[in-house]
């Protein structure tokens, strides 16, 4: 592989992460409550994937047990997006993006159980290193945003659960077909949940059948196509040429991009204190430390292997 190929792949993966960073910004700009926002996003992505004959061929080839597993993950993905955009509505894009940075910490605890592998002490140290940053983040947001922090942390926990499950299943089917099945199941799950939402979390509830206005409609199309399908397709190409370490570092930049964009486009730095941003720095430092330690361990064991085309098992926020 030439340096040109690797450089192009690096540019592609960072462009993908930048587009994923915009998802939080669009979530703040779209006026819909969290439930219809996520429902429309998932529906638009599924509708676009349904136009591809490759997706239908791959879906027909899936056995029932594997399809059931992907469907279950799809419900978790829907709940993750619901809580992520709920956190944006309850707080702001910066808070939600910071909470998602906690996902690697939860993954360090959950993945050994899901993957049935030994627990690594360094992963516990990662969790402990994040705690001071979390305390500063919580103390650095206005009282009215504290619920958004809690919902955002729940969203990060859901990322860890479905990401770990996806890693076990991801190599058994075409990634685009898996995405269509998971998000299609998510649409059905949210449709079933909609009548209960006013009783469970009124702040998230909304009429799914109401057609969004022109402004919200345009932003939803951008969210579904430009910030979901496009980076997903580019990532499938780029991930074949990059190591797991490189991809992990790039993916960890997503909350950095989101917070920077929120400051630049939404002026959210005026809503949050210096204490919050100090906490963000501690959280991100701990999160970036994880792949560095993992690379050292991989080098000692003979080098980190390449990452598969489906990536880490996560979907963009």
Protein backbone atom coordinates (compact mmCIF):
# COMPACT_ATOMS: atom_id res chain seq x y z
CA UNK A 1 0.00 0.00 0.00
CA UNK A 2 1.44 3.38 -0.95
CA UNK A 3 1.65 6.36 1.37
CA UNK A 4 -0.89 8.07 -0.91
CA UNK A 5 -3.45 5.35 -0.16
CA UNK A 6 -2.89 5.63 3.58
CA UNK A 7 -3.00 9.43 3.51
CA UNK A 8 -6.28 9.32 1.60
CA UNK A 9 -7.69 6.83 4.12
CA UNK A 10 -6.63 9.09 7.02
CA UNK A 11 -8.32 12.08 5.43
CA UNK A 12 -11.45 10.01 4.82
CA UNK A 13 -11.73 8.75 8.40
CA UNK A 14 -11.18 12.21 9.88
CA UNK A 15 -13.77 13.64 7.49
CA UNK A 16 -16.17 10.93 8.68
CA UNK A 17 -15.52 11.79 12.33
CA UNK A 18 -16.05 15.49 11.57
CA UNK A 19 -19.40 14.69 9.94
CA UNK A 20 -20.35 12.60 12.99
CA UNK A 21 -19.45 15.60 15.14
CA UNK A 22 -22.08 17.59 13.23
CA UNK A 23 -24.82 15.17 14.37
CA UNK A 24 -24.92 16.85 17.78
CA UNK A 25 -25.14 20.30 16.18
CA UNK A 26 -28.00 19.25 13.91
CA UNK A 27 -29.74 17.63 16.87
CA UNK A 28 -29.71 21.00 18.62
CA UNK A 29 -30.86 22.92 15.53
CA UNK A 30 -33.76 20.58 14.70
CA UNK A 31 -36.80 21.75 16.66
CA UNK A 32 -38.43 18.31 16.93
CA UNK A 33 -38.44 16.50 20.29
CA UNK A 34 -36.01 13.59 20.66
CA UNK A 35 -38.43 10.78 19.75
CA UNK A 36 -39.66 12.06 16.34
CA UNK A 37 -36.17 13.37 15.55
CA UNK A 38 -34.61 9.91 15.97
CA UNK A 39 -37.58 8.18 14.31
CA UNK A 40 -37.28 10.31 11.17
CA UNK A 41 -33.50 9.96 11.06
CA UNK A 42 -33.67 6.18 11.22
CA UNK A 43 -36.56 5.99 8.77
CA UNK A 44 -34.73 8.12 6.18
CA UNK A 45 -31.57 6.02 6.45
CA UNK A 46 -33.54 2.78 6.10
CA UNK A 47 -35.44 4.18 3.10
CA UNK A 48 -32.16 5.09 1.40
CA UNK A 49 -30.64 1.65 2.08
CA UNK A 50 -33.79 -0.05 0.80
CA UNK A 51 -32.96 1.32 -2.67
CA UNK A 52 -29.81 -0.84 -2.83
CA UNK A 53 -30.29 -4.37 -4.29
CA UNK A 54 -27.13 -5.46 -2.43
CA UNK A 55 -28.88 -4.84 0.89
CA UNK A 56 -31.88 -7.00 -0.03
CA UNK A 57 -29.67 -9.83 -1.27
CA UNK A 58 -27.68 -9.82 1.97
CA UNK A 59 -30.81 -9.68 4.13
CA UNK A 60 -32.29 -12.71 2.34
CA UNK A 61 -29.06 -14.63 3.02
CA UNK A 62 -29.18 -14.03 6.80
CA UNK A 63 -30.20 -16.94 9.00
CA UNK A 64 -33.00 -16.30 11.49
CA UNK A 65 -30.87 -16.52 14.64
CA UNK A 66 -28.33 -13.97 13.39
CA UNK A 67 -31.09 -11.66 12.16
CA UNK A 68 -32.69 -11.81 15.61
CA UNK A 69 -29.39 -10.80 17.19
CA UNK A 70 -29.02 -7.81 14.89
CA UNK A 71 -32.63 -6.83 15.55
CA UNK A 72 -31.98 -6.81 19.29
CA UNK A 73 -28.96 -4.59 18.79
CA UNK A 74 -31.15 -2.30 16.67
CA UNK A 75 -33.44 -1.69 19.64
CA UNK A 76 -30.41 -0.67 21.72
CA UNK A 77 -29.22 1.64 18.94
CA UNK A 78 -32.64 3.33 18.87
CA UNK A 79 -32.56 3.82 22.65
CA UNK A 80 -29.01 5.17 22.44
CA UNK A 81 -29.96 7.77 19.84
CA UNK A 82 -33.12 8.62 21.78
CA UNK A 83 -31.12 9.33 24.96
CA UNK A 84 -28.31 11.09 23.05
CA UNK A 85 -30.68 13.56 21.39
CA UNK A 86 -32.67 13.73 24.60
CA UNK A 87 -29.51 14.88 26.38
CA UNK A 88 -29.01 17.55 23.71
CA UNK A 89 -32.56 18.82 24.23
CA UNK A 90 -32.26 18.73 28.04
CA UNK A 91 -28.81 20.34 28.10
CA UNK A 92 -26.86 21.16 24.93
CA UNK A 93 -24.64 19.62 22.25
CA UNK A 94 -21.42 20.05 24.26
CA UNK A 95 -22.82 18.22 27.28
CA UNK A 96 -24.15 15.34 25.18
CA UNK A 97 -20.87 14.99 23.28
CA UNK A 98 -18.89 14.97 26.52
CA UNK A 99 -21.09 12.24 27.94
CA UNK A 100 -20.52 10.10 24.83
CA UNK A 101 -16.78 10.34 25.57
CA UNK A 102 -17.57 8.13 28.60
CA UNK A 103 -18.48 5.23 26.29
CA UNK A 104 -14.94 3.74 26.21
CA UNK A 105 -14.97 3.63 30.02
CA UNK A 106 -18.25 1.70 30.08
CA UNK A 107 -16.95 -0.51 27.26
CA UNK A 108 -13.87 -1.40 29.31
CA UNK A 109 -16.19 -2.82 31.96
CA UNK A 110 -18.88 -4.36 29.75
CA UNK A 111 -16.89 -5.83 26.84
CA UNK A 112 -15.02 -8.47 28.89
CA UNK A 113 -18.38 -9.84 30.04
CA UNK A 114 -19.94 -9.74 26.56
CA UNK A 115 -16.85 -11.05 24.75
CA UNK A 116 -16.12 -13.57 27.51
CA UNK A 117 -12.53 -12.43 27.90
CA UNK A 118 -10.51 -11.68 31.05
CA UNK A 119 -10.88 -8.27 32.63
CA UNK A 120 -7.79 -6.07 32.22
CA UNK A 121 -6.70 -4.01 35.25
CA UNK A 122 -5.59 -1.09 33.06
CA UNK A 123 -9.19 -0.71 31.92
CA UNK A 124 -10.28 -0.24 35.52
CA UNK A 125 -7.59 2.43 35.86
CA UNK A 126 -9.07 4.16 32.81
CA UNK A 127 -12.44 4.29 34.55
CA UNK A 128 -10.91 5.69 37.72
CA UNK A 129 -8.95 8.32 35.75
CA UNK A 130 -12.18 9.61 34.21
CA UNK A 131 -14.00 10.12 37.52
CA UNK A 132 -12.40 13.50 38.47
CA UNK A 133 -13.28 14.83 35.02
CA UNK A 134 -16.86 13.63 35.36
CA UNK A 135 -17.14 15.37 38.73
CA UNK A 136 -15.90 18.63 37.21
CA UNK A 137 -18.26 18.29 34.24
CA UNK A 138 -21.27 17.77 36.52
CA UNK A 139 -20.25 20.66 38.74
CA UNK A 140 -19.59 22.88 35.74
CA UNK A 141 -23.06 22.78 34.18
CA UNK A 142 -26.06 24.84 35.32
CA UNK A 143 -28.53 23.05 37.59
CA UNK A 144 -31.09 22.96 34.77
CA UNK A 145 -28.74 20.82 32.66
CA UNK A 146 -27.95 18.13 35.28
CA UNK A 147 -30.71 15.85 34.00
CA UNK A 148 -29.18 16.14 30.53
CA UNK A 149 -25.86 14.90 31.95
CA UNK A 150 -27.56 11.86 33.49
CA UNK A 151 -29.41 11.04 30.25
CA UNK A 152 -26.18 11.51 28.28
CA UNK A 153 -24.35 9.08 30.58
CA UNK A 154 -27.13 6.54 29.98
CA UNK A 155 -26.63 7.06 26.25
CA UNK A 156 -22.90 6.30 26.62
CA UNK A 157 -23.75 3.14 28.58
CA UNK A 158 -26.01 2.00 25.73
CA UNK A 159 -23.15 2.66 23.27
CA UNK A 160 -20.95 0.33 25.29
CA UNK A 161 -23.58 -2.42 25.36
CA UNK A 162 -24.56 -2.45 21.69
CA UNK A 163 -21.00 -1.73 20.53
CA UNK A 164 -19.74 -4.78 22.40
CA UNK A 165 -22.56 -6.91 21.00
CA UNK A 166 -21.94 -5.64 17.47
CA UNK A 167 -18.28 -6.67 17.71
CA UNK A 168 -19.40 -10.25 18.24
CA UNK A 169 -21.80 -10.19 15.30
CA UNK A 170 -20.31 -7.72 12.84
CA UNK A 171 -18.26 -10.10 10.69
CA UNK A 172 -21.18 -12.39 9.83
CA UNK A 173 -23.06 -10.19 7.34
CA UNK A 174 -22.74 -7.27 4.96
CA UNK A 175 -22.36 -4.04 7.02
CA UNK A 176 -24.93 -2.10 4.97
CA UNK A 177 -27.48 -4.91 5.39
CA UNK A 178 -26.76 -5.01 9.12
CA UNK A 179 -27.29 -1.26 9.34
CA UNK A 180 -30.59 -1.53 7.45
CA UNK A 181 -31.82 -4.35 9.71
CA UNK A 182 -30.75 -2.67 12.94
CA UNK A 183 -32.17 0.74 12.08
CA UNK A 184 -35.33 -0.78 10.62
CA UNK A 185 -35.89 -2.64 13.87
CA UNK A 186 -35.16 0.61 15.70
CA UNK A 187 -37.90 2.39 13.74
CA UNK A 188 -40.39 -0.33 14.75
CA UNK A 189 -39.27 -0.19 18.39
CA UNK A 190 -39.70 3.59 18.57
CA UNK A 191 -43.08 3.34 16.86
CA UNK A 192 -44.20 0.88 19.54
CA UNK A 193 -42.73 3.07 22.28
CA UNK A 194 -44.33 6.30 21.05
CA UNK A 195 -47.75 5.87 22.80
CA UNK A 196 -45.96 5.28 26.14
CA UNK A 197 -43.46 8.10 25.84
CA UNK A 198 -45.75 10.87 27.22
CA UNK A 199 -46.05 8.77 30.40
CA UNK A 200 -42.40 7.67 30.58
CA UNK A 201 -40.45 10.77 29.49
CA UNK A 202 -42.79 13.58 28.38
CA UNK A 203 -39.86 15.77 27.30
CA UNK A 204 -38.95 13.24 24.59
CA UNK A 205 -42.48 12.66 23.25
CA UNK A 206 -43.79 13.92 19.93
CA UNK A 207 -46.18 13.07 17.13
CA UNK A 208 -44.44 10.68 14.72
CA UNK A 209 -47.04 11.21 12.00
CA UNK A 210 -46.65 14.99 11.89
CA UNK A 211 -44.66 15.95 8.79
CA UNK A 212 -41.67 18.15 9.76
CA UNK A 213 -41.56 21.70 8.48
CA UNK A 214 -39.27 22.68 5.62
CA UNK A 215 -36.36 23.74 7.85
CA UNK A 216 -36.52 20.65 10.05
CA UNK A 217 -37.02 18.46 6.97
CA UNK A 218 -33.87 19.75 5.29
CA UNK A 219 -31.85 19.34 8.50
CA UNK A 220 -33.19 15.79 8.96
CA UNK A 221 -32.13 14.85 5.42
CA UNK A 222 -28.67 16.26 6.13
CA UNK A 223 -28.52 14.33 9.39
CA UNK A 224 -29.60 11.05 7.78
CA UNK A 225 -27.68 11.22 4.52
CA UNK A 226 -24.72 13.59 4.92
CA UNK A 227 -23.93 12.73 8.56
CA UNK A 228 -24.94 9.06 8.67
CA UNK A 229 -24.89 7.24 5.32
CA UNK A 230 -22.11 9.23 3.63
CA UNK A 231 -19.54 8.87 6.44
CA UNK A 232 -20.54 5.23 6.91
CA UNK A 233 -19.80 4.48 3.24
CA UNK A 234 -16.50 6.40 3.35
CA UNK A 235 -15.49 4.67 6.57
CA UNK A 236 -16.02 1.24 5.00
CA UNK A 237 -13.33 2.12 2.44
CA UNK A 238 -10.94 3.87 4.82
CA UNK A 239 -11.04 1.24 7.56
CA UNK A 240 -9.57 -1.38 5.25
CA UNK A 241 -6.30 0.59 5.09
CA UNK A 242 -5.89 1.74 8.70
CA UNK A 243 -4.92 0.01 11.94
CA UNK A 244 -7.28 -0.37 14.88
CA UNK A 245 -5.09 2.07 16.84
CA UNK A 246 -5.33 4.81 14.18
CA UNK A 247 -9.09 4.41 13.85
CA UNK A 248 -9.60 4.49 17.63
CA UNK A 249 -7.66 7.75 17.96
CA UNK A 250 -9.64 9.31 15.11
CA UNK A 251 -12.98 8.15 16.53
CA UNK A 252 -12.10 9.59 19.93
CA UNK A 253 -11.96 13.00 18.26
CA UNK A 254 -15.72 12.97 17.68
CA UNK A 255 -16.60 14.74 20.97
CA UNK A 256 -13.72 17.17 20.38
CA UNK A 257 -15.12 18.13 16.98
CA UNK A 258 -18.65 18.31 18.37
CA UNK A 259 -17.69 20.59 21.27
CA UNK A 260 -15.59 22.84 19.00
CA UNK A 261 -18.44 23.07 16.49
CA UNK A 262 -20.91 23.82 19.29
CA UNK A 263 -18.72 26.68 20.47
CA UNK A 264 -18.22 28.02 16.95
CA UNK A 265 -21.76 27.62 15.59
CA UNK A 266 -23.97 27.71 18.70
CA UNK A 267 -21.93 29.81 21.13
CA UNK A 268 -22.34 27.19 23.87
CA UNK A 269 -19.19 28.33 25.68
CA UNK A 270 -21.35 31.12 27.13
CA UNK A 271 -23.67 28.54 28.73
CA UNK A 272 -20.93 26.53 30.44
CA UNK A 273 -18.19 27.29 32.94
CA UNK A 274 -14.41 26.89 32.79
CA UNK A 275 -14.84 24.04 35.29
CA UNK A 276 -16.88 22.13 32.70
CA UNK A 277 -14.18 22.45 30.03
CA UNK A 278 -11.47 21.44 32.50
CA UNK A 279 -13.49 18.31 33.23
CA UNK A 280 -13.83 17.68 29.48
CA UNK A 281 -10.04 17.84 29.10
CA UNK A 282 -9.55 15.26 31.87
CA UNK A 283 -12.17 12.92 30.39
CA UNK A 284 -10.70 13.16 26.89
CA UNK A 285 -7.14 12.72 28.14
CA UNK A 286 -8.15 9.47 29.84
CA UNK A 287 -10.03 8.30 26.75
CA UNK A 288 -7.05 8.99 24.48
CA UNK A 289 -4.76 7.21 26.93
CA UNK A 290 -6.64 3.93 26.41
CA UNK A 291 -5.57 3.25 22.78
CA UNK A 292 -2.02 4.38 23.60
CA UNK A 293 -1.79 1.74 26.33
CA UNK A 294 -3.47 -0.80 24.08
CA UNK A 295 -0.97 -0.11 21.31
CA UNK A 296 1.94 -0.65 23.69
CA UNK A 297 0.39 -3.94 24.77
CA UNK A 298 -0.23 -4.91 21.13
CA UNK A 299 3.34 -4.02 20.14
CA UNK A 300 4.66 -6.20 22.94
CA UNK A 301 2.46 -9.04 21.65
CA UNK A 302 3.51 -8.60 18.02
CA UNK A 303 1.62 -5.56 16.76
CA UNK A 304 -1.95 -4.36 16.52
CA UNK A 305 -3.97 -6.04 13.82
CA UNK A 306 -6.00 -4.31 11.14
CA UNK A 307 -9.55 -3.32 11.88
CA UNK A 308 -12.30 -4.97 9.89
CA UNK A 309 -14.48 -3.05 7.48
CA UNK A 310 -17.26 -2.68 9.99
CA UNK A 311 -15.04 -0.84 12.42
CA UNK A 312 -15.50 -0.82 16.17
CA UNK A 313 -19.11 -1.94 16.25
CA UNK A 314 -20.39 1.55 17.01
CA UNK A 315 -22.72 3.60 14.89
CA UNK A 316 -22.30 7.35 14.62
CA UNK A 317 -24.27 9.46 17.09
